[in-house]
N, C-alpha and C. Protein backbone atom coordinates (compact mmCIF):
# COMPACT_ATOMS: atom_id res chain seq x y z
N MET A 1 191.00 130.48 93.00
CA MET A 1 191.06 131.66 93.84
C MET A 1 191.00 132.91 92.98
N ALA A 2 190.25 133.89 93.36
CA ALA A 2 190.06 135.10 92.56
C ALA A 2 191.22 136.05 92.71
N ASN A 3 191.49 136.79 91.67
CA ASN A 3 192.51 137.81 91.70
C ASN A 3 192.00 138.97 92.54
N GLN A 4 192.90 139.58 93.29
CA GLN A 4 192.48 140.63 94.23
C GLN A 4 192.61 142.04 93.67
N ASN A 5 192.89 142.19 92.36
CA ASN A 5 192.95 143.54 91.79
C ASN A 5 191.58 144.18 91.82
N SER A 6 191.57 145.50 91.83
CA SER A 6 190.29 146.20 91.88
C SER A 6 189.58 146.12 90.53
N GLY A 7 188.27 146.33 90.55
CA GLY A 7 187.47 146.32 89.33
C GLY A 7 187.95 147.35 88.33
N GLY A 8 188.43 148.49 88.81
CA GLY A 8 188.94 149.52 87.92
C GLY A 8 190.13 149.04 87.11
N ASP A 9 191.02 148.27 87.75
CA ASP A 9 192.17 147.71 87.04
C ASP A 9 191.71 146.77 85.94
N PHE A 10 190.72 145.95 86.23
CA PHE A 10 190.19 145.02 85.23
C PHE A 10 189.65 145.80 84.05
N GLY A 11 188.86 146.81 84.33
CA GLY A 11 188.26 147.61 83.27
C GLY A 11 189.31 148.29 82.41
N LYS A 12 190.34 148.85 83.04
CA LYS A 12 191.40 149.53 82.29
C LYS A 12 192.12 148.56 81.37
N LEU A 13 192.44 147.35 81.89
CA LEU A 13 193.14 146.39 81.07
C LEU A 13 192.24 145.88 79.94
N ALA A 14 190.97 145.64 80.24
CA ALA A 14 190.03 145.20 79.21
C ALA A 14 189.91 146.27 78.13
N ASP A 15 189.77 147.54 78.53
CA ASP A 15 189.68 148.64 77.57
C ASP A 15 190.95 148.70 76.72
N SER A 16 192.09 148.52 77.39
CA SER A 16 193.37 148.57 76.70
C SER A 16 193.46 147.46 75.65
N LEU A 17 193.02 146.26 76.02
CA LEU A 17 193.08 145.13 75.09
C LEU A 17 192.13 145.31 73.91
N LEU A 18 191.06 146.06 74.12
CA LEU A 18 190.08 146.27 73.05
C LEU A 18 190.41 147.47 72.17
N ASP A 19 191.45 148.20 72.51
CA ASP A 19 191.89 149.34 71.71
C ASP A 19 192.27 148.84 70.31
N ASN A 20 191.84 149.54 69.28
CA ASN A 20 192.09 149.12 67.89
C ASN A 20 193.55 148.85 67.59
N SER A 21 194.44 149.73 68.03
CA SER A 21 195.85 149.54 67.74
C SER A 21 196.37 148.28 68.42
N LYS A 22 195.86 147.98 69.60
CA LYS A 22 196.27 146.76 70.29
C LYS A 22 195.71 145.53 69.58
N ILE A 23 194.50 145.62 69.07
CA ILE A 23 193.92 144.49 68.35
C ILE A 23 194.79 144.17 67.14
N GLN A 24 195.25 145.19 66.43
CA GLN A 24 196.12 144.96 65.28
C GLN A 24 197.44 144.33 65.71
N LYS A 25 197.96 144.77 66.83
CA LYS A 25 199.21 144.22 67.33
C LYS A 25 199.01 142.76 67.76
N ILE A 26 197.86 142.47 68.36
CA ILE A 26 197.54 141.10 68.75
C ILE A 26 197.57 140.21 67.52
N SER A 27 197.00 140.67 66.43
CA SER A 27 196.99 139.89 65.19
C SER A 27 198.40 139.57 64.73
N SER A 28 199.32 140.50 64.90
CA SER A 28 200.70 140.28 64.46
C SER A 28 201.45 139.32 65.38
N LYS A 29 200.93 139.08 66.56
CA LYS A 29 201.57 138.18 67.51
C LYS A 29 200.76 136.90 67.71
N GLN A 30 200.03 136.53 66.68
CA GLN A 30 199.11 135.42 66.79
C GLN A 30 199.78 134.12 67.24
N SER A 31 200.97 133.81 66.74
CA SER A 31 201.61 132.54 67.12
C SER A 31 201.97 132.53 68.60
N ASP A 32 202.43 133.66 69.13
CA ASP A 32 202.75 133.74 70.56
C ASP A 32 201.48 133.58 71.41
N ILE A 33 200.41 134.20 70.95
CA ILE A 33 199.14 134.12 71.68
C ILE A 33 198.58 132.70 71.62
N GLU A 34 198.76 132.03 70.48
CA GLU A 34 198.31 130.65 70.37
C GLU A 34 199.05 129.75 71.35
N LYS A 35 200.33 130.01 71.54
CA LYS A 35 201.11 129.24 72.53
C LYS A 35 200.51 129.44 73.92
N LEU A 36 200.18 130.67 74.26
CA LEU A 36 199.56 130.94 75.56
C LEU A 36 198.20 130.25 75.66
N ALA A 37 197.42 130.32 74.59
CA ALA A 37 196.09 129.71 74.59
C ALA A 37 196.17 128.20 74.77
N ASN A 38 197.22 127.58 74.27
CA ASN A 38 197.38 126.13 74.36
C ASN A 38 198.09 125.68 75.64
N SER A 39 198.50 126.64 76.45
CA SER A 39 199.13 126.31 77.73
C SER A 39 198.06 125.79 78.70
N ALA A 40 198.50 125.21 79.81
CA ALA A 40 197.56 124.69 80.81
C ALA A 40 196.62 125.80 81.30
N GLU A 41 197.18 126.98 81.58
CA GLU A 41 196.36 128.11 82.02
C GLU A 41 195.39 128.53 80.94
N GLY A 42 195.87 128.57 79.69
CA GLY A 42 195.02 128.97 78.58
C GLY A 42 193.84 128.03 78.40
N LYS A 43 194.10 126.75 78.54
CA LYS A 43 193.02 125.77 78.39
C LYS A 43 192.01 125.89 79.53
N LYS A 44 192.51 126.16 80.74
CA LYS A 44 191.60 126.32 81.88
C LYS A 44 190.72 127.56 81.69
N VAL A 45 191.32 128.63 81.24
CA VAL A 45 190.57 129.88 81.01
C VAL A 45 189.57 129.68 79.87
N SER A 46 189.96 128.93 78.87
CA SER A 46 189.07 128.68 77.73
C SER A 46 187.77 128.02 78.17
N GLU A 47 187.83 127.21 79.20
CA GLU A 47 186.63 126.55 79.70
C GLU A 47 185.64 127.54 80.32
N LEU A 48 186.11 128.72 80.68
CA LEU A 48 185.28 129.73 81.34
C LEU A 48 184.51 130.60 80.34
N VAL A 49 184.85 130.50 79.08
CA VAL A 49 184.31 131.42 78.07
C VAL A 49 183.15 130.77 77.31
N ASP A 50 182.08 131.51 77.15
CA ASP A 50 180.98 131.09 76.28
C ASP A 50 181.41 131.44 74.86
N LYS A 51 182.04 130.48 74.21
CA LYS A 51 182.66 130.73 72.91
C LYS A 51 181.65 131.17 71.85
N LYS A 52 180.48 130.60 71.85
CA LYS A 52 179.49 130.95 70.84
C LYS A 52 179.09 132.43 70.97
N SER A 53 178.82 132.86 72.19
CA SER A 53 178.45 134.27 72.40
C SER A 53 179.59 135.20 72.05
N LEU A 54 180.81 134.79 72.40
CA LEU A 54 181.96 135.64 72.12
C LEU A 54 182.20 135.77 70.62
N VAL A 55 182.09 134.68 69.89
CA VAL A 55 182.26 134.74 68.43
C VAL A 55 181.19 135.64 67.81
N GLN A 56 179.95 135.50 68.27
CA GLN A 56 178.88 136.35 67.75
C GLN A 56 179.16 137.82 68.05
N ALA A 57 179.67 138.10 69.24
CA ALA A 57 179.99 139.48 69.61
C ALA A 57 181.10 140.04 68.74
N ILE A 58 182.11 139.21 68.47
CA ILE A 58 183.22 139.65 67.63
C ILE A 58 182.72 139.94 66.22
N GLU A 59 181.90 139.04 65.69
CA GLU A 59 181.36 139.22 64.35
C GLU A 59 180.52 140.49 64.24
N LYS A 60 179.80 140.82 65.30
CA LYS A 60 178.95 142.01 65.31
C LYS A 60 179.71 143.26 65.72
N GLY A 61 180.95 143.08 66.23
CA GLY A 61 181.72 144.21 66.72
C GLY A 61 181.19 144.74 68.05
N ASP A 62 180.57 143.86 68.83
CA ASP A 62 179.98 144.26 70.12
C ASP A 62 181.06 144.28 71.20
N ALA A 63 181.68 145.43 71.35
CA ALA A 63 182.79 145.58 72.29
C ALA A 63 182.37 145.34 73.74
N SER A 64 181.14 145.65 74.10
CA SER A 64 180.73 145.48 75.49
C SER A 64 180.71 144.00 75.90
N VAL A 65 180.29 143.13 74.99
CA VAL A 65 180.30 141.69 75.29
C VAL A 65 181.73 141.20 75.42
N MET A 66 182.60 141.66 74.52
CA MET A 66 184.01 141.26 74.58
C MET A 66 184.65 141.77 75.87
N GLN A 67 184.34 143.00 76.25
CA GLN A 67 184.90 143.57 77.47
C GLN A 67 184.42 142.80 78.68
N ASN A 68 183.15 142.45 78.73
CA ASN A 68 182.62 141.68 79.86
C ASN A 68 183.27 140.31 79.93
N ALA A 69 183.51 139.69 78.78
CA ALA A 69 184.17 138.38 78.77
C ALA A 69 185.57 138.49 79.35
N ILE A 70 186.30 139.53 78.95
CA ILE A 70 187.65 139.73 79.47
C ILE A 70 187.61 139.98 80.97
N LYS A 71 186.67 140.79 81.42
CA LYS A 71 186.55 141.07 82.86
C LYS A 71 186.26 139.79 83.64
N ASN A 72 185.36 138.95 83.11
CA ASN A 72 185.03 137.70 83.80
C ASN A 72 186.23 136.75 83.83
N ILE A 73 186.96 136.70 82.75
CA ILE A 73 188.16 135.86 82.71
C ILE A 73 189.16 136.35 83.75
N MET A 74 189.30 137.67 83.85
CA MET A 74 190.30 138.23 84.76
C MET A 74 189.93 138.10 86.23
N LYS A 75 188.75 137.64 86.52
CA LYS A 75 188.36 137.41 87.91
C LYS A 75 189.03 136.17 88.48
N THR A 76 189.62 135.35 87.60
CA THR A 76 190.36 134.17 88.06
C THR A 76 191.85 134.49 88.04
N GLU A 77 192.60 133.81 88.89
CA GLU A 77 194.05 134.03 88.90
C GLU A 77 194.66 133.67 87.56
N GLU A 78 194.24 132.54 87.00
CA GLU A 78 194.79 132.09 85.72
C GLU A 78 194.48 133.08 84.62
N GLY A 79 193.24 133.54 84.59
CA GLY A 79 192.83 134.49 83.58
C GLY A 79 193.57 135.80 83.68
N ALA A 80 193.72 136.28 84.90
CA ALA A 80 194.44 137.55 85.11
C ALA A 80 195.89 137.42 84.65
N ARG A 81 196.52 136.30 84.97
CA ARG A 81 197.91 136.09 84.53
C ARG A 81 197.99 136.01 83.00
N LEU A 82 197.05 135.29 82.41
CA LEU A 82 197.06 135.13 80.96
C LEU A 82 196.86 136.48 80.26
N VAL A 83 195.90 137.26 80.71
CA VAL A 83 195.65 138.57 80.11
C VAL A 83 196.85 139.49 80.34
N GLN A 84 197.47 139.39 81.50
CA GLN A 84 198.64 140.21 81.80
C GLN A 84 199.79 139.84 80.85
N GLN A 85 199.97 138.54 80.57
CA GLN A 85 201.00 138.11 79.63
C GLN A 85 200.73 138.66 78.24
N ILE A 86 199.48 138.64 77.82
CA ILE A 86 199.12 139.19 76.52
C ILE A 86 199.39 140.69 76.51
N ASN A 87 199.01 141.36 77.59
CA ASN A 87 199.25 142.80 77.68
C ASN A 87 200.74 143.12 77.59
N GLU A 88 201.58 142.30 78.21
CA GLU A 88 203.03 142.51 78.15
C GLU A 88 203.53 142.36 76.70
N MET A 89 202.95 141.44 75.95
CA MET A 89 203.33 141.26 74.55
C MET A 89 203.05 142.52 73.74
N MET A 90 202.05 143.27 74.18
CA MET A 90 201.61 144.43 73.41
C MET A 90 202.47 145.67 73.64
N LYS A 91 203.37 145.60 74.58
CA LYS A 91 204.24 146.77 74.88
C LYS A 91 205.33 146.92 73.86
C-alpha cells in the first residue's frame, strides 16, 4: 500500500537526506543504519532499488538519481517508514 504523504513531503525529505551535513552524519551512524537495512522492512525496500544504477549515481555524485531513488522508495509504506527512521537518527 502506498504512503499517502504529498509529493512535496517526499521531495523535502529526499532533499534533506541528500544534504551534505546529513550525509556526513549518516556515515557516523552507519551501524544503526545497517541494522535498519537488515530488518525485514529494509530487505523489502532493498528489493525495490536498482542497486547498479544507484551505485553508479553515487560514484558520479549524481544527486538527481539518488533523489529519485529515495522518492520511489518512499512511495511504499515500508520505504517511507524506513526513511523516516533514518531521518529521526539525523536529528
